[in-house]
N, C-alpha and C. Protein backbone atom coordinates (compact mmCIF):
# COMPACT_ATOMS: atom_id res chain seq x y z
N UNK A 1 13.55 79.18 6.81
CA UNK A 1 14.22 78.77 5.58
C UNK A 1 15.24 77.70 5.90
N UNK A 2 15.27 76.63 5.18
CA UNK A 2 16.18 75.53 5.46
C UNK A 2 17.56 75.84 4.88
N UNK A 3 18.60 75.67 5.73
CA UNK A 3 19.95 75.94 5.28
C UNK A 3 20.43 74.80 4.39
N UNK A 4 21.16 75.15 3.34
CA UNK A 4 21.72 74.11 2.48
C UNK A 4 22.98 73.58 3.11
N UNK A 5 23.23 72.31 2.96
CA UNK A 5 24.38 71.67 3.57
C UNK A 5 25.53 71.70 2.60
N UNK A 6 26.73 72.08 3.12
CA UNK A 6 27.91 72.14 2.29
C UNK A 6 28.33 70.74 1.88
N UNK A 7 28.88 70.59 0.69
CA UNK A 7 29.35 69.27 0.28
C UNK A 7 30.49 68.83 1.18
N UNK A 8 30.65 67.54 1.43
CA UNK A 8 31.72 67.08 2.30
C UNK A 8 33.09 67.39 1.72
N UNK A 9 34.04 67.67 2.62
CA UNK A 9 35.40 67.95 2.20
C UNK A 9 36.08 66.65 1.84
N UNK A 10 36.66 66.58 0.65
CA UNK A 10 37.32 65.35 0.24
C UNK A 10 38.69 65.23 0.90
N UNK A 11 39.03 64.07 1.42
CA UNK A 11 40.36 63.88 2.01
C UNK A 11 41.42 64.06 0.92
N UNK A 12 42.48 64.81 1.21
CA UNK A 12 43.52 65.00 0.20
C UNK A 12 44.25 63.71 -0.11
N UNK A 13 44.68 63.57 -1.34
CA UNK A 13 45.36 62.36 -1.79
C UNK A 13 46.87 62.51 -1.65
N UNK A 14 47.42 63.63 -2.07
CA UNK A 14 48.86 63.82 -2.04
C UNK A 14 49.35 64.08 -0.63
N UNK A 15 50.54 63.60 -0.33
CA UNK A 15 51.12 63.75 1.01
C UNK A 15 51.27 65.22 1.39
N UNK A 16 51.69 66.05 0.42
CA UNK A 16 51.86 67.48 0.71
C UNK A 16 50.53 68.11 1.09
N UNK A 17 49.46 67.74 0.38
CA UNK A 17 48.13 68.29 0.68
C UNK A 17 47.64 67.82 2.05
N UNK A 18 47.94 66.56 2.39
CA UNK A 18 47.55 66.06 3.71
C UNK A 18 48.26 66.83 4.82
N UNK A 19 49.53 67.14 4.60
CA UNK A 19 50.28 67.91 5.61
C UNK A 19 49.70 69.31 5.75
N UNK A 20 49.33 69.92 4.63
CA UNK A 20 48.74 71.26 4.69
C UNK A 20 47.42 71.23 5.45
N UNK A 21 46.57 70.26 5.14
CA UNK A 21 45.30 70.14 5.85
C UNK A 21 45.54 69.91 7.34
N UNK A 22 46.50 69.07 7.68
CA UNK A 22 46.80 68.79 9.08
C UNK A 22 47.24 70.07 9.80
N UNK A 23 48.06 70.89 9.12
CA UNK A 23 48.50 72.14 9.75
C UNK A 23 47.33 73.09 9.96
N UNK A 24 46.42 73.14 8.98
CA UNK A 24 45.24 74.00 9.11
C UNK A 24 44.38 73.56 10.29
N UNK A 25 44.17 72.25 10.42
CA UNK A 25 43.34 71.74 11.52
C UNK A 25 44.01 71.97 12.86
N UNK A 26 45.33 71.73 12.94
CA UNK A 26 46.05 71.96 14.19
C UNK A 26 46.03 73.43 14.58
N UNK A 27 46.22 74.30 13.59
CA UNK A 27 46.19 75.74 13.86
C UNK A 27 44.82 76.18 14.34
N UNK A 28 43.78 75.66 13.72
CA UNK A 28 42.41 76.02 14.11
C UNK A 28 42.12 75.57 15.53
N UNK A 29 42.51 74.35 15.86
CA UNK A 29 42.28 73.83 17.22
C UNK A 29 42.97 74.70 18.26
N UNK A 30 44.23 75.09 17.98
CA UNK A 30 44.98 75.92 18.93
C UNK A 30 44.35 77.30 19.07
N UNK A 31 43.94 77.89 17.95
CA UNK A 31 43.36 79.23 17.98
C UNK A 31 41.99 79.24 18.65
N UNK A 32 41.22 78.17 18.47
CA UNK A 32 39.93 78.09 19.16
C UNK A 32 40.12 78.12 20.66
N UNK A 33 41.14 77.41 21.15
CA UNK A 33 41.41 77.40 22.59
C UNK A 33 41.87 78.76 23.08
N UNK A 34 42.58 79.50 22.23
CA UNK A 34 43.12 80.80 22.63
C UNK A 34 42.10 81.93 22.49
N UNK A 35 41.34 81.93 21.39
CA UNK A 35 40.53 83.10 21.06
C UNK A 35 39.03 82.83 21.05
N UNK A 36 38.62 81.57 20.91
CA UNK A 36 37.21 81.28 20.81
C UNK A 36 36.73 81.32 19.37
N UNK A 37 35.55 80.80 19.15
CA UNK A 37 34.99 80.65 17.80
C UNK A 37 34.74 81.99 17.12
N UNK A 38 34.15 82.94 17.82
CA UNK A 38 33.72 84.19 17.19
C UNK A 38 34.90 85.03 16.73
N UNK A 39 35.99 85.04 17.49
CA UNK A 39 37.14 85.88 17.14
C UNK A 39 38.05 85.23 16.11
N UNK A 40 37.83 83.98 15.81
CA UNK A 40 38.68 83.26 14.87
C UNK A 40 38.47 83.77 13.44
N UNK A 41 39.57 83.99 12.71
CA UNK A 41 39.47 84.42 11.32
C UNK A 41 40.31 83.51 10.42
N UNK A 42 39.98 83.52 9.14
CA UNK A 42 40.75 82.73 8.18
C UNK A 42 42.20 83.23 8.15
N UNK A 43 42.38 84.55 8.24
CA UNK A 43 43.73 85.11 8.22
C UNK A 43 44.57 84.57 9.39
N UNK A 44 43.94 84.48 10.58
CA UNK A 44 44.65 83.93 11.74
C UNK A 44 45.07 82.48 11.47
N UNK A 45 44.14 81.73 10.89
CA UNK A 45 44.38 80.30 10.67
C UNK A 45 45.55 80.08 9.71
N UNK A 46 45.52 80.78 8.57
CA UNK A 46 46.57 80.54 7.58
C UNK A 46 47.92 81.05 8.08
N UNK A 47 47.90 82.11 8.88
CA UNK A 47 49.17 82.61 9.44
C UNK A 47 49.76 81.59 10.40
N UNK A 48 48.92 81.01 11.28
CA UNK A 48 49.40 80.02 12.24
C UNK A 48 49.82 78.73 11.52
N UNK A 49 49.09 78.37 10.48
CA UNK A 49 49.38 77.13 9.76
C UNK A 49 50.53 77.28 8.77
N UNK A 50 50.98 78.54 8.56
CA UNK A 50 52.07 78.82 7.60
C UNK A 50 51.70 78.31 6.20
N UNK A 51 50.50 78.68 5.79
CA UNK A 51 50.04 78.34 4.45
C UNK A 51 49.39 79.58 3.85
N UNK A 52 48.82 79.46 2.68
CA UNK A 52 48.25 80.62 2.00
C UNK A 52 46.73 80.63 2.08
N UNK A 53 46.17 81.81 1.87
CA UNK A 53 44.71 81.92 1.83
C UNK A 53 44.15 81.07 0.69
N UNK A 54 44.86 81.04 -0.42
CA UNK A 54 44.41 80.22 -1.54
C UNK A 54 44.36 78.74 -1.20
N UNK A 55 45.38 78.27 -0.43
CA UNK A 55 45.37 76.87 0.00
C UNK A 55 44.18 76.58 0.89
N UNK A 56 43.84 77.55 1.74
CA UNK A 56 42.68 77.38 2.62
C UNK A 56 41.40 77.24 1.80
N UNK A 57 41.17 78.18 0.88
CA UNK A 57 39.91 78.18 0.14
C UNK A 57 39.85 77.09 -0.92
N UNK A 58 40.99 76.47 -1.21
CA UNK A 58 40.96 75.29 -2.08
C UNK A 58 40.33 74.10 -1.37
N UNK A 59 40.27 74.18 -0.04
CA UNK A 59 39.73 73.06 0.76
C UNK A 59 38.40 73.38 1.41
N UNK A 60 38.22 74.63 1.81
CA UNK A 60 37.01 75.02 2.55
C UNK A 60 36.42 76.29 1.96
N UNK A 61 35.09 76.38 2.00
CA UNK A 61 34.43 77.58 1.48
C UNK A 61 34.56 78.76 2.44
N UNK A 62 34.88 78.47 3.69
CA UNK A 62 35.02 79.52 4.69
C UNK A 62 35.23 78.93 6.06
N UNK A 63 35.24 79.81 7.05
CA UNK A 63 35.51 79.38 8.43
C UNK A 63 34.47 78.38 8.93
N UNK A 64 33.21 78.61 8.62
CA UNK A 64 32.16 77.74 9.16
C UNK A 64 32.27 76.31 8.63
N UNK A 65 32.62 76.17 7.34
CA UNK A 65 32.78 74.83 6.81
C UNK A 65 33.96 74.13 7.45
N UNK A 66 35.04 74.86 7.70
CA UNK A 66 36.20 74.29 8.39
C UNK A 66 35.81 73.82 9.79
N UNK A 67 35.07 74.65 10.52
CA UNK A 67 34.69 74.29 11.88
C UNK A 67 33.76 73.09 11.90
N UNK A 68 32.84 73.02 10.91
CA UNK A 68 31.95 71.86 10.83
C UNK A 68 32.76 70.59 10.57
N UNK A 69 33.76 70.69 9.69
CA UNK A 69 34.62 69.55 9.38
C UNK A 69 35.40 69.12 10.62
N UNK A 70 35.92 70.10 11.35
CA UNK A 70 36.70 69.80 12.55
C UNK A 70 35.82 69.18 13.63
N UNK A 71 34.62 69.72 13.82
CA UNK A 71 33.71 69.21 14.84
C UNK A 71 33.26 67.79 14.52
N UNK A 72 33.03 67.51 13.24
CA UNK A 72 32.63 66.16 12.86
C UNK A 72 33.72 65.17 13.21
N UNK A 73 34.96 65.55 13.00
CA UNK A 73 36.07 64.68 13.37
C UNK A 73 36.15 64.46 14.86
N UNK A 74 35.88 65.52 15.64
CA UNK A 74 35.89 65.40 17.10
C UNK A 74 34.84 64.40 17.56
N UNK A 75 33.61 64.51 17.02
CA UNK A 75 32.54 63.61 17.46
C UNK A 75 32.76 62.19 16.98
N UNK A 76 33.37 62.03 15.80
CA UNK A 76 33.69 60.69 15.33
C UNK A 76 34.67 60.01 16.28
N UNK A 77 35.69 60.76 16.70
CA UNK A 77 36.65 60.20 17.66
C UNK A 77 35.97 59.93 18.99
N UNK A 78 35.09 60.83 19.41
CA UNK A 78 34.41 60.65 20.70
C UNK A 78 33.54 59.39 20.70
N UNK A 79 32.85 59.12 19.59
CA UNK A 79 32.04 57.91 19.52
C UNK A 79 32.92 56.66 19.64
N UNK A 80 34.06 56.67 18.96
CA UNK A 80 34.97 55.54 19.06
C UNK A 80 35.52 55.37 20.47
N UNK A 81 35.86 56.48 21.12
CA UNK A 81 36.37 56.42 22.50
C UNK A 81 35.31 55.87 23.45
N UNK A 82 34.06 56.33 23.28
CA UNK A 82 33.00 55.85 24.15
C UNK A 82 32.76 54.35 23.95
N UNK A 83 32.73 53.91 22.71
CA UNK A 83 32.51 52.49 22.43
C UNK A 83 33.64 51.64 23.02
N UNK A 84 34.87 52.12 22.91
CA UNK A 84 36.00 51.39 23.48
C UNK A 84 35.90 51.32 25.00
N UNK A 85 35.55 52.46 25.62
CA UNK A 85 35.45 52.49 27.07
C UNK A 85 34.34 51.57 27.57
N UNK A 86 33.20 51.62 26.89
CA UNK A 86 32.07 50.77 27.29
C UNK A 86 32.41 49.30 27.09
N UNK A 87 33.00 48.98 25.95
CA UNK A 87 33.35 47.60 25.67
C UNK A 87 34.37 47.04 26.64
N UNK A 88 35.27 47.90 27.14
CA UNK A 88 36.28 47.43 28.08
C UNK A 88 35.71 47.16 29.46
N UNK A 89 34.54 47.78 29.77
CA UNK A 89 33.93 47.61 31.09
C UNK A 89 32.90 46.47 31.11
N UNK A 90 32.20 46.30 30.02
CA UNK A 90 31.11 45.31 29.97
C UNK A 90 31.66 44.02 29.37
N UNK A 91 31.93 43.06 30.20
CA UNK A 91 32.51 41.81 29.73
C UNK A 91 31.49 40.90 29.07
N UNK A 92 31.95 40.17 28.07
CA UNK A 92 31.07 39.21 27.40
C UNK A 92 30.66 38.12 28.39
N UNK A 93 29.38 37.83 28.46
CA UNK A 93 28.87 36.83 29.38
C UNK A 93 28.59 37.35 30.77
N UNK A 94 28.81 38.66 31.00
CA UNK A 94 28.53 39.22 32.33
C UNK A 94 27.02 39.33 32.55
N UNK A 95 26.62 39.32 33.81
CA UNK A 95 25.20 39.37 34.16
C UNK A 95 24.64 40.77 33.96
N UNK A 96 23.32 40.88 34.01
CA UNK A 96 22.68 42.18 33.87
C UNK A 96 23.13 43.13 34.98
N UNK A 97 23.15 42.63 36.21
CA UNK A 97 23.57 43.48 37.32
C UNK A 97 25.00 43.95 37.18
N UNK A 98 25.87 43.06 36.73
CA UNK A 98 27.27 43.44 36.52
C UNK A 98 27.40 44.47 35.42
N UNK A 99 26.60 44.34 34.38
CA UNK A 99 26.64 45.32 33.29
C UNK A 99 26.15 46.69 33.76
N UNK A 100 25.07 46.69 34.52
CA UNK A 100 24.56 47.97 35.03
C UNK A 100 25.60 48.63 35.92
N UNK A 101 26.21 47.85 36.82
CA UNK A 101 27.22 48.40 37.72
C UNK A 101 28.39 48.98 36.92
N UNK A 102 28.84 48.26 35.89
CA UNK A 102 29.96 48.75 35.08
C UNK A 102 29.60 50.03 34.35
N UNK A 103 28.37 50.10 33.83
CA UNK A 103 27.93 51.30 33.10
C UNK A 103 27.80 52.48 34.05
N UNK A 104 27.21 52.25 35.22
CA UNK A 104 27.08 53.34 36.19
C UNK A 104 28.45 53.83 36.62
N UNK A 105 29.39 52.91 36.88
CA UNK A 105 30.74 53.30 37.28
C UNK A 105 31.40 54.15 36.20
N UNK A 106 31.19 53.78 34.93
CA UNK A 106 31.76 54.56 33.83
C UNK A 106 31.14 55.95 33.77
N UNK A 107 29.82 56.05 33.95
CA UNK A 107 29.17 57.36 33.93
C UNK A 107 29.62 58.23 35.09
N UNK A 108 29.83 57.62 36.26
CA UNK A 108 30.36 58.37 37.41
C UNK A 108 31.75 58.90 37.07
N UNK A 109 32.57 58.06 36.47
CA UNK A 109 33.92 58.48 36.09
C UNK A 109 33.89 59.62 35.09
N UNK A 110 32.98 59.53 34.12
CA UNK A 110 32.86 60.57 33.11
C UNK A 110 32.55 61.92 33.76
N UNK A 111 31.68 61.91 34.75
CA UNK A 111 31.31 63.17 35.40
C UNK A 111 32.39 63.71 36.32
N UNK A 112 33.34 62.87 36.72
CA UNK A 112 34.40 63.29 37.63
C UNK A 112 35.68 63.66 36.91
N UNK A 113 35.95 63.05 35.77
CA UNK A 113 37.22 63.20 35.07
C UNK A 113 37.15 64.38 34.11
N UNK A 114 37.99 65.39 34.33
CA UNK A 114 37.97 66.58 33.48
C UNK A 114 38.20 66.23 32.01
N UNK A 115 39.03 65.21 31.76
CA UNK A 115 39.35 64.84 30.38
C UNK A 115 38.16 64.21 29.66
N UNK A 116 37.14 63.76 30.42
CA UNK A 116 36.01 63.06 29.82
C UNK A 116 34.71 63.86 29.88
N UNK A 117 34.75 65.07 30.44
CA UNK A 117 33.51 65.81 30.64
C UNK A 117 32.85 66.26 29.35
N UNK A 118 33.60 66.22 28.22
CA UNK A 118 32.95 66.55 26.95
C UNK A 118 31.91 65.50 26.60
N UNK A 119 32.04 64.28 27.16
CA UNK A 119 31.01 63.26 26.96
C UNK A 119 29.76 63.62 27.76
N UNK A 120 29.94 63.97 29.04
CA UNK A 120 28.79 64.17 29.91
C UNK A 120 27.97 65.39 29.53
N UNK A 121 28.61 66.37 28.86
CA UNK A 121 27.88 67.59 28.48
C UNK A 121 27.39 67.53 27.04
N UNK A 122 27.58 66.41 26.38
CA UNK A 122 27.28 66.33 24.95
C UNK A 122 25.84 66.64 24.62
N UNK A 123 24.90 66.24 25.49
CA UNK A 123 23.48 66.38 25.17
C UNK A 123 23.06 67.84 25.01
N UNK A 124 23.79 68.77 25.60
CA UNK A 124 23.39 70.17 25.53
C UNK A 124 24.23 70.96 24.53
N UNK A 125 25.18 70.32 23.86
CA UNK A 125 26.05 71.01 22.92
C UNK A 125 25.37 71.17 21.57
N UNK A 126 25.90 72.10 20.80
CA UNK A 126 25.39 72.31 19.45
C UNK A 126 26.03 71.30 18.50
N UNK A 127 25.68 71.41 17.22
CA UNK A 127 26.27 70.54 16.22
C UNK A 127 25.85 69.10 16.42
N UNK A 128 26.85 68.20 16.46
CA UNK A 128 26.57 66.78 16.57
C UNK A 128 26.47 66.30 18.01
N UNK A 129 26.48 67.24 18.99
CA UNK A 129 26.42 66.84 20.39
C UNK A 129 25.22 65.97 20.72
N UNK A 130 23.99 66.39 20.38
CA UNK A 130 22.83 65.54 20.68
C UNK A 130 22.91 64.18 20.00
N UNK A 131 23.47 64.12 18.79
CA UNK A 131 23.62 62.84 18.11
C UNK A 131 24.58 61.94 18.89
N UNK A 132 25.64 62.54 19.43
CA UNK A 132 26.57 61.76 20.23
C UNK A 132 25.91 61.28 21.52
N UNK A 133 25.07 62.12 22.13
CA UNK A 133 24.36 61.71 23.34
C UNK A 133 23.47 60.51 23.05
N UNK A 134 22.81 60.50 21.90
CA UNK A 134 21.99 59.35 21.52
C UNK A 134 22.86 58.12 21.29
N UNK A 135 24.04 58.34 20.73
CA UNK A 135 24.96 57.22 20.51
C UNK A 135 25.35 56.59 21.85
N UNK A 136 25.65 57.42 22.84
CA UNK A 136 25.97 56.90 24.18
C UNK A 136 24.82 56.06 24.73
N UNK A 137 23.62 56.63 24.68
CA UNK A 137 22.44 55.94 25.24
C UNK A 137 22.15 54.65 24.49
N UNK A 138 22.24 54.70 23.16
CA UNK A 138 21.92 53.51 22.37
C UNK A 138 22.95 52.41 22.59
N UNK A 139 24.22 52.78 22.77
CA UNK A 139 25.24 51.77 23.03
C UNK A 139 25.00 51.10 24.38
N UNK A 140 24.59 51.88 25.38
CA UNK A 140 24.25 51.31 26.69
C UNK A 140 23.05 50.37 26.56
N UNK A 141 22.04 50.80 25.81
CA UNK A 141 20.84 49.97 25.64
C UNK A 141 21.19 48.64 24.99
N UNK A 142 22.04 48.67 23.97
CA UNK A 142 22.41 47.42 23.31
C UNK A 142 23.13 46.49 24.28
N UNK A 143 24.00 47.04 25.11
CA UNK A 143 24.73 46.22 26.07
C UNK A 143 23.79 45.57 27.08
N UNK A 144 22.76 46.29 27.51
CA UNK A 144 21.84 45.74 28.51
C UNK A 144 20.82 44.80 27.87
N UNK A 145 20.42 45.10 26.65
CA UNK A 145 19.43 44.24 25.99
C UNK A 145 20.00 42.88 25.61
N UNK A 146 21.31 42.72 25.67
CA UNK A 146 21.89 41.39 25.49
C UNK A 146 21.47 40.47 26.64
N UNK A 147 21.00 41.07 27.74
CA UNK A 147 20.49 40.31 28.89
C UNK A 147 18.97 40.48 29.00
N UNK A 148 18.32 40.65 27.88
CA UNK A 148 16.87 40.92 27.87
C UNK A 148 16.09 39.88 28.68
N UNK A 149 16.48 38.62 28.62
CA UNK A 149 15.71 37.57 29.31
C UNK A 149 15.72 37.75 30.82
N UNK A 150 16.63 38.56 31.34
CA UNK A 150 16.70 38.80 32.79
C UNK A 150 16.02 40.11 33.19
N UNK A 151 15.43 40.80 32.22
CA UNK A 151 14.71 42.04 32.52
C UNK A 151 13.24 41.70 32.69
N UNK A 152 12.65 42.05 33.83
CA UNK A 152 11.27 41.69 34.13
C UNK A 152 10.29 42.80 33.81
N UNK A 153 10.78 43.99 33.47
CA UNK A 153 9.89 45.08 33.10
C UNK A 153 9.18 44.73 31.81
N UNK A 154 7.92 45.17 31.68
CA UNK A 154 7.13 44.80 30.49
C UNK A 154 7.62 45.48 29.22
N UNK A 155 8.36 46.57 29.36
CA UNK A 155 8.90 47.27 28.19
C UNK A 155 10.38 47.53 28.43
N UNK A 156 11.24 46.55 28.14
CA UNK A 156 12.67 46.68 28.47
C UNK A 156 13.33 47.91 27.86
N UNK A 157 13.02 48.22 26.60
CA UNK A 157 13.68 49.35 25.94
C UNK A 157 13.40 50.66 26.67
N UNK A 158 12.12 50.90 27.00
CA UNK A 158 11.76 52.15 27.68
C UNK A 158 12.28 52.18 29.10
N UNK A 159 12.31 51.02 29.75
CA UNK A 159 12.82 50.96 31.11
C UNK A 159 14.31 51.26 31.14
N UNK A 160 15.05 50.75 30.17
CA UNK A 160 16.48 51.05 30.09
C UNK A 160 16.69 52.53 29.83
N UNK A 161 15.91 53.10 28.92
CA UNK A 161 16.03 54.52 28.59
C UNK A 161 15.76 55.40 29.81
N UNK A 162 14.70 55.08 30.56
CA UNK A 162 14.37 55.88 31.73
C UNK A 162 15.41 55.69 32.83
N UNK A 163 15.88 54.46 33.02
CA UNK A 163 16.92 54.23 34.02
C UNK A 163 18.19 54.99 33.69
N UNK A 164 18.57 55.01 32.43
CA UNK A 164 19.75 55.75 32.00
C UNK A 164 19.57 57.24 32.29
N UNK A 165 18.39 57.77 31.96
CA UNK A 165 18.11 59.18 32.21
C UNK A 165 18.15 59.49 33.71
N UNK A 166 17.64 58.56 34.53
CA UNK A 166 17.65 58.76 35.98
C UNK A 166 19.07 58.82 36.53
N UNK A 167 19.93 57.93 36.03
CA UNK A 167 21.32 57.93 36.49
C UNK A 167 22.03 59.20 36.05
N UNK A 168 21.85 59.58 34.78
CA UNK A 168 22.47 60.82 34.30
C UNK A 168 21.98 62.03 35.10
N UNK A 169 20.66 62.06 35.37
CA UNK A 169 20.12 63.18 36.15
C UNK A 169 20.65 63.20 37.57
N UNK A 170 20.77 62.04 38.19
CA UNK A 170 21.29 61.96 39.56
C UNK A 170 22.74 62.44 39.62
N UNK A 171 23.50 62.15 38.58
CA UNK A 171 24.89 62.59 38.55
C UNK A 171 25.00 64.10 38.34
N UNK A 172 24.09 64.65 37.54
CA UNK A 172 24.10 66.11 37.36
C UNK A 172 23.70 66.82 38.65
N UNK A 173 22.79 66.22 39.41
CA UNK A 173 22.33 66.80 40.68
C UNK A 173 22.87 65.98 41.84
N UNK A 174 24.12 65.64 41.77
CA UNK A 174 24.74 64.72 42.73
C UNK A 174 24.56 65.22 44.17
N UNK A 175 23.99 64.37 45.05
CA UNK A 175 23.84 64.78 46.46
C UNK A 175 25.21 65.00 47.11
N UNK A 176 25.27 65.93 48.02
CA UNK A 176 26.53 66.21 48.71
C UNK A 176 26.91 65.03 49.61
N UNK A 177 28.20 64.93 49.85
CA UNK A 177 28.79 63.96 50.78
C UNK A 177 28.68 62.51 50.28
N UNK A 178 28.38 62.31 49.02
CA UNK A 178 28.35 60.97 48.46
C UNK A 178 29.66 60.69 47.73
N UNK A 179 30.40 59.71 48.18
CA UNK A 179 31.62 59.31 47.48
C UNK A 179 31.27 58.42 46.30
N UNK A 180 32.22 58.25 45.39
CA UNK A 180 31.96 57.54 44.14
C UNK A 180 31.47 56.11 44.37
N UNK A 181 32.13 55.38 45.28
CA UNK A 181 31.78 53.98 45.49
C UNK A 181 30.34 53.78 45.95
N UNK A 182 29.95 54.40 47.08
CA UNK A 182 28.56 54.25 47.53
C UNK A 182 27.54 54.78 46.53
N UNK A 183 27.87 55.88 45.84
CA UNK A 183 26.94 56.42 44.86
C UNK A 183 26.75 55.44 43.70
N UNK A 184 27.84 54.83 43.25
CA UNK A 184 27.75 53.84 42.18
C UNK A 184 26.86 52.67 42.60
N UNK A 185 27.04 52.18 43.81
CA UNK A 185 26.24 51.04 44.27
C UNK A 185 24.76 51.39 44.38
N UNK A 186 24.45 52.57 44.90
CA UNK A 186 23.04 52.94 45.06
C UNK A 186 22.36 53.18 43.72
N UNK A 187 23.07 53.81 42.80
CA UNK A 187 22.47 54.03 41.48
C UNK A 187 22.32 52.71 40.74
N UNK A 188 23.23 51.79 40.96
CA UNK A 188 23.09 50.45 40.38
C UNK A 188 21.84 49.77 40.92
N UNK A 189 21.63 49.83 42.22
CA UNK A 189 20.45 49.23 42.84
C UNK A 189 19.18 49.88 42.30
N UNK A 190 19.20 51.20 42.16
CA UNK A 190 18.02 51.92 41.66
C UNK A 190 17.64 51.42 40.27
N UNK A 191 18.62 51.39 39.38
CA UNK A 191 18.35 51.01 37.98
C UNK A 191 18.01 49.52 37.88
N UNK A 192 18.75 48.70 38.61
CA UNK A 192 18.52 47.26 38.54
C UNK A 192 17.15 46.90 39.08
N UNK A 193 16.74 47.50 40.19
CA UNK A 193 15.44 47.17 40.77
C UNK A 193 14.30 47.64 39.88
N UNK A 194 14.50 48.73 39.16
CA UNK A 194 13.47 49.21 38.25
C UNK A 194 13.25 48.23 37.08
N UNK A 195 14.33 47.61 36.64
CA UNK A 195 14.20 46.63 35.56
C UNK A 195 13.56 45.33 36.03
N UNK A 196 13.55 45.12 37.34
CA UNK A 196 12.91 43.93 37.89
C UNK A 196 13.91 42.96 38.45
N UNK A 197 13.56 42.22 39.53
CA UNK A 197 14.49 41.26 40.12
C UNK A 197 14.85 40.19 39.09
N UNK A 198 16.14 39.88 39.07
CA UNK A 198 16.60 38.94 38.04
C UNK A 198 17.47 37.85 38.60
N UNK A 199 18.59 37.59 37.93
CA UNK A 199 19.41 36.44 38.24
C UNK A 199 20.07 36.56 39.61
N UNK A 200 20.39 35.46 40.20
CA UNK A 200 20.88 35.42 41.57
C UNK A 200 22.30 35.96 41.71
N UNK A 201 23.04 36.11 40.59
CA UNK A 201 24.41 36.56 40.71
C UNK A 201 24.54 38.08 40.65
N UNK A 202 23.42 38.80 40.73
CA UNK A 202 23.47 40.26 40.79
C UNK A 202 23.80 40.69 42.21
N UNK A 203 25.05 40.62 42.57
CA UNK A 203 25.47 40.95 43.92
C UNK A 203 25.18 42.41 44.23
N UNK A 204 24.54 42.63 45.38
CA UNK A 204 24.24 43.99 45.79
C UNK A 204 23.11 44.62 45.02
N UNK A 205 22.40 43.85 44.19
CA UNK A 205 21.33 44.44 43.37
C UNK A 205 19.98 43.84 43.73
N UNK A 206 19.80 43.55 45.01
CA UNK A 206 18.53 42.98 45.45
C UNK A 206 17.40 43.95 45.19
N UNK A 207 16.19 43.39 45.03
CA UNK A 207 15.04 44.22 44.69
C UNK A 207 14.73 45.20 45.82
N UNK A 208 14.60 46.46 45.47
CA UNK A 208 14.22 47.50 46.43
C UNK A 208 13.20 48.37 45.73
N UNK A 209 12.48 49.14 46.54
CA UNK A 209 11.58 50.12 45.95
C UNK A 209 12.40 51.12 45.15
N UNK A 210 11.88 51.52 43.98
CA UNK A 210 12.64 52.34 43.04
C UNK A 210 13.16 53.62 43.68
N UNK A 211 12.36 54.24 44.55
CA UNK A 211 12.77 55.51 45.15
C UNK A 211 13.25 55.36 46.59
N UNK A 212 13.40 54.12 47.06
CA UNK A 212 13.83 53.90 48.43
C UNK A 212 15.20 54.52 48.71
N UNK A 213 16.08 54.50 47.70
CA UNK A 213 17.44 54.98 47.94
C UNK A 213 17.48 56.49 48.17
N UNK A 214 16.41 57.20 47.85
CA UNK A 214 16.42 58.67 48.03
C UNK A 214 15.71 59.09 49.31
N UNK A 215 15.18 58.14 50.08
CA UNK A 215 14.44 58.51 51.29
C UNK A 215 15.22 58.17 52.53
């Protein structure tokens, strides 16, 4: 049976209502960290937010609608953060090899930085997690396809998709004793060589056999 989707929550217009909603969201975020989703109750939320049950139900039909609203906001912020991070690494006019290196370095950082690990685990999360994972992949593809003329693979889109998956998989199964710098360079070579030898300014991205780096 297909679940019906709740109507979107309208942003409050009055300043007092905005403050009440902000307190509800802040209280929910704090309680989720303390108690988890299953133990969370509306009574807990309104007590922490110092508001009334009536104020809560004037905005949300129940706990699940509140959590869906909160999660949507989290993923919206995450998409903006990812786009900003990617844009800051991939310079306009940079070569394909430079773009791949910058993207790989960012993915390595994501897997190492505790504050960013919600990005790296997005593909397996519920809710909008898979959508966010697609957003990450699609943003990377757009950045690399700007250098389409330097990609020698017969199907650039699929080659980029598979290369991205290979890098993500290698980071999840990261070999022992590999430091970030050498790992970034080898994964860059792997992905770059799979796309095909290209422009001469791809430093360190000379053509190699796709699986040579693992042997």
